[in-house]
Amino acid sequence: ELQPVESGGGLVQTGGSLRLSCAASGFTIDDYHIGWFRQAPGKEREGLSWISARDGSTYYADSVKGRFTISSDNAKNTVYLQMNSLSPEDTAVYYCNLWNAQSGDYWGQGTRVTVSS
């Protein structure tokens, strides 16, 4: 079964940074819109940022605009989420999602980010 794989989560102090990776082996990311989502305990899953790997266009939710940056390395079939100025409110499990109209959704299993105060 095709599934993207997230990595890069961990424990970081307030104000710190992390870079998450979404390895999409078996996919051609040019063919997909790729998004990063997160789900904090007791909360609904929240969309954070999206990229069209084909043309590089990006979109950010207000909650992360100016702090997070999404990018892709098409040769490596990998999408990144650079997260800066982290706060405890960013503590969540972060998920990668690949979507197109032909194939639908593919979700990874998530990577946990914990920001200590």
C-alpha atoms as a PDB file:
ATOM      1  CA  GLU A   1       0.000   0.000   0.000  1.00  0.00           C
ATOM      2  CA  LEU A   2       1.347   3.404  -0.947  1.00  0.00           C
ATOM      3  CA  GLN A   3       1.807   5.674   2.044  1.00  0.00           C
ATOM      4  CA  PRO A   4       3.905   8.756   2.659  1.00  0.00           C
ATOM      5  CA  VAL A   5       6.246   8.595   5.653  1.00  0.00           C
ATOM      6  CA  GLU A   6       6.738  11.532   7.973  1.00  0.00           C
ATOM      7  CA  SER A   7       9.844  12.107  10.068  1.00  0.00           C
ATOM      8  CA  GLY A   8      11.621  14.866  11.934  1.00  0.00           C
ATOM      9  CA  GLY A   9       9.359  15.295  14.913  1.00  0.00           C
ATOM     10  CA  GLY A  10      10.623  15.432  18.450  1.00  0.00           C
ATOM     11  CA  LEU A  11      10.912  17.517  21.573  1.00  0.00           C
ATOM     12  CA  VAL A  12      11.920  21.157  21.244  1.00  0.00           C
ATOM     13  CA  GLN A  13      11.848  24.172  23.528  1.00  0.00           C
ATOM     14  CA  THR A  14       9.660  27.207  22.993  1.00  0.00           C
ATOM     15  CA  GLY A  15      11.158  29.375  20.290  1.00  0.00           C
ATOM     16  CA  GLY A  16      12.959  26.474  18.695  1.00  0.00           C
ATOM     17  CA  SER A  17      12.750  25.006  15.210  1.00  0.00           C
ATOM     18  CA  LEU A  18      12.162  21.660  13.589  1.00  0.00           C
ATOM     19  CA  ARG A  19      12.097  20.467  10.004  1.00  0.00           C
ATOM     20  CA  LEU A  20       9.629  17.758   9.153  1.00  0.00           C
ATOM     21  CA  SER A  21      10.033  15.534   6.118  1.00  0.00           C
ATOM     22  CA  CYS A  22       7.424  13.674   4.113  1.00  0.00           C
ATOM     23  CA  ALA A  23       8.996  10.942   2.016  1.00  0.00           C
ATOM     24  CA  ALA A  24       6.642   9.926  -0.766  1.00  0.00           C
ATOM     25  CA  SER A  25       8.302   6.804  -2.126  1.00  0.00           C
ATOM     26  CA  GLY A  26       6.293   5.212  -4.879  1.00  0.00           C
ATOM     27  CA  PHE A  27       4.607   8.482  -5.735  1.00  0.00           C
ATOM     28  CA  THR A  28       5.466  11.077  -8.333  1.00  0.00           C
ATOM     29  CA  ILE A  29       4.852  14.180  -6.270  1.00  0.00           C
ATOM     30  CA  ASP A  30       4.527  16.321  -9.383  1.00  0.00           C
ATOM     31  CA  ASP A  31       1.135  14.698  -9.778  1.00  0.00           C
ATOM     32  CA  TYR A  32      -0.141  15.646  -6.331  1.00  0.00           C
ATOM     33  CA  HIS A  33      -1.074  18.458  -4.045  1.00  0.00           C
ATOM     34  CA  ILE A  34       0.747  17.861  -0.782  1.00  0.00           C
ATOM     35  CA  GLY A  35      -0.368  19.194   2.543  1.00  0.00           C
ATOM     36  CA  TRP A  36       0.749  19.208   6.151  1.00  0.00           C
ATOM     37  CA  PHE A  37      -1.852  18.805   8.849  1.00  0.00           C
ATOM     38  CA  ARG A  38      -1.696  18.442  12.609  1.00  0.00           C
ATOM     39  CA  GLN A  39      -3.888  17.096  15.345  1.00  0.00           C
ATOM     40  CA  ALA A  40      -3.469  18.134  18.938  1.00  0.00           C
ATOM     41  CA  PRO A  41      -4.940  16.079  21.790  1.00  0.00           C
ATOM     42  CA  GLY A  42      -8.688  16.600  21.997  1.00  0.00           C
ATOM     43  CA  LYS A  43      -8.790  18.745  18.871  1.00  0.00           C
ATOM     44  CA  GLU A  44      -9.760  18.230  15.261  1.00  0.00           C
ATOM     45  CA  ARG A  45      -7.181  17.785  12.550  1.00  0.00           C
ATOM     46  CA  GLU A  46      -6.029  21.178  11.268  1.00  0.00           C
ATOM     47  CA  GLY A  47      -4.678  21.970   7.814  1.00  0.00           C
ATOM     48  CA  LEU A  48      -1.470  24.012   7.944  1.00  0.00           C
ATOM     49  CA  SER A  49       0.165  24.324   4.573  1.00  0.00           C
ATOM     50  CA  TRP A  50      -0.073  22.993   1.028  1.00  0.00           C
ATOM     51  CA  ILE A  51       2.201  22.870  -1.986  1.00  0.00           C
ATOM     52  CA  SER A  52       1.680  21.995  -5.586  1.00  0.00           C
ATOM     53  CA  ALA A  53       4.905  20.202  -6.364  1.00  0.00           C
ATOM     54  CA  ARG A  54       4.464  20.742 -10.076  1.00  0.00           C
ATOM     55  CA  ASP A  55       4.493  24.532  -9.999  1.00  0.00           C
ATOM     56  CA  GLY A  56       5.679  25.268  -6.463  1.00  0.00           C
ATOM     57  CA  SER A  57       2.642  27.272  -5.455  1.00  0.00           C
ATOM     58  CA  THR A  58       2.053  27.291  -1.716  1.00  0.00           C
ATOM     59  CA  TYR A  59      -0.647  28.132   0.777  1.00  0.00           C
ATOM     60  CA  TYR A  60      -0.516  28.668   4.532  1.00  0.00           C
ATOM     61  CA  ALA A  61      -3.100  28.758   7.244  1.00  0.00           C
ATOM     62  CA  ASP A  62      -3.116  31.937   9.296  1.00  0.00           C
ATOM     63  CA  SER A  63      -1.983  30.020  12.367  1.00  0.00           C
ATOM     64  CA  VAL A  64       1.407  29.247  10.828  1.00  0.00           C
ATOM     65  CA  LYS A  65       1.902  31.986   8.234  1.00  0.00           C
ATOM     66  CA  GLY A  66       5.286  33.621   8.690  1.00  0.00           C
ATOM     67  CA  ARG A  67       6.589  30.825  10.932  1.00  0.00           C
ATOM     68  CA  PHE A  68       6.323  27.675   8.801  1.00  0.00           C
ATOM     69  CA  THR A  69       7.661  27.121   5.294  1.00  0.00           C
ATOM     70  CA  ILE A  70       6.686  24.268   2.995  1.00  0.00           C
ATOM     71  CA  SER A  71       8.993  23.141   0.225  1.00  0.00           C
ATOM     72  CA  SER A  72       9.580  20.173  -2.023  1.00  0.00           C
ATOM     73  CA  ASP A  73      12.511  18.311  -3.514  1.00  0.00           C
ATOM     74  CA  ASN A  74      10.931  16.666  -6.509  1.00  0.00           C
ATOM     75  CA  ALA A  75      14.036  14.624  -7.305  1.00  0.00           C
ATOM     76  CA  LYS A  76      13.804  13.045  -3.860  1.00  0.00           C
ATOM     77  CA  ASN A  77       9.997  12.858  -3.861  1.00  0.00           C
ATOM     78  CA  THR A  78      10.109  14.582  -0.503  1.00  0.00           C
ATOM     79  CA  VAL A  79       8.217  17.510   0.954  1.00  0.00           C
ATOM     80  CA  TYR A  80       9.447  19.473   3.951  1.00  0.00           C
ATOM     81  CA  LEU A  81       7.893  21.670   6.581  1.00  0.00           C
ATOM     82  CA  GLN A  82      10.317  24.055   8.244  1.00  0.00           C
ATOM     83  CA  MET A  83       8.830  25.175  11.536  1.00  0.00           C
ATOM     84  CA  ASN A  84      10.274  28.151  13.381  1.00  0.00           C
ATOM     85  CA  SER A  85       9.308  30.072  16.520  1.00  0.00           C
ATOM     86  CA  LEU A  86       7.546  27.061  17.949  1.00  0.00           C
ATOM     87  CA  SER A  87       5.295  27.397  20.963  1.00  0.00           C
ATOM     88  CA  PRO A  88       3.504  24.857  23.173  1.00  0.00           C
ATOM     89  CA  GLU A  89       0.382  25.469  21.063  1.00  0.00           C
ATOM     90  CA  ASP A  90       2.201  23.759  18.188  1.00  0.00           C
ATOM     91  CA  THR A  91       2.369  20.483  20.109  1.00  0.00           C
ATOM     92  CA  ALA A  92       0.571  17.885  17.999  1.00  0.00           C
ATOM     93  CA  VAL A  93       0.984  14.922  15.719  1.00  0.00           C
ATOM     94  CA  TYR A  94       1.870  16.211  12.267  1.00  0.00           C
ATOM     95  CA  TYR A  95       0.631  14.420   9.167  1.00  0.00           C
ATOM     96  CA  CYS A  96       1.492  14.572   5.504  1.00  0.00           C
ATOM     97  CA  ASN A  97      -1.249  14.207   2.896  1.00  0.00           C
ATOM     98  CA  LEU A  98      -1.022  13.643  -0.831  1.00  0.00           C
ATOM     99  CA  TRP A  99      -4.085  14.264  -2.948  1.00  0.00           C
ATOM    100  CA  ASN A 100      -5.173  14.394  -6.528  1.00  0.00           C
ATOM    101  CA  ALA A 101      -8.533  14.033  -8.229  1.00  0.00           C
ATOM    102  CA  GLN A 102      -7.616  10.720  -9.841  1.00  0.00           C
ATOM    103  CA  SER A 103      -6.180   8.875  -6.853  1.00  0.00           C
ATOM    104  CA  GLY A 104      -7.736  10.577  -3.854  1.00  0.00           C
ATOM    105  CA  ASP A 105      -6.047  10.897  -0.465  1.00  0.00           C
ATOM    106  CA  TYR A 106      -2.967   9.260   0.960  1.00  0.00           C
ATOM    107  CA  TRP A 107      -2.099   9.886   4.610  1.00  0.00           C
ATOM    108  CA  GLY A 108       1.049   9.133   6.531  1.00  0.00           C
ATOM    109  CA  GLN A 109       1.070   7.813  10.079  1.00  0.00           C
ATOM    110  CA  GLY A 110       2.299  11.068  11.533  1.00  0.00           C
ATOM    111  CA  THR A 111       5.245  12.367  13.486  1.00  0.00           C
ATOM    112  CA  ARG A 112       4.888  13.776  16.975  1.00  0.00           C
ATOM    113  CA  VAL A 113       6.050  17.274  17.844  1.00  0.00           C
ATOM    114  CA  THR A 114       6.237  18.375  21.456  1.00  0.00           C
ATOM    115  CA  VAL A 115       7.132  21.941  22.365  1.00  0.00           C
ATOM    116  CA  SER A 116       8.077  22.500  25.979  1.00  0.00           C
ATOM    117  CA  SER A 117       7.526  25.799  27.759  1.00  0.00           C
END
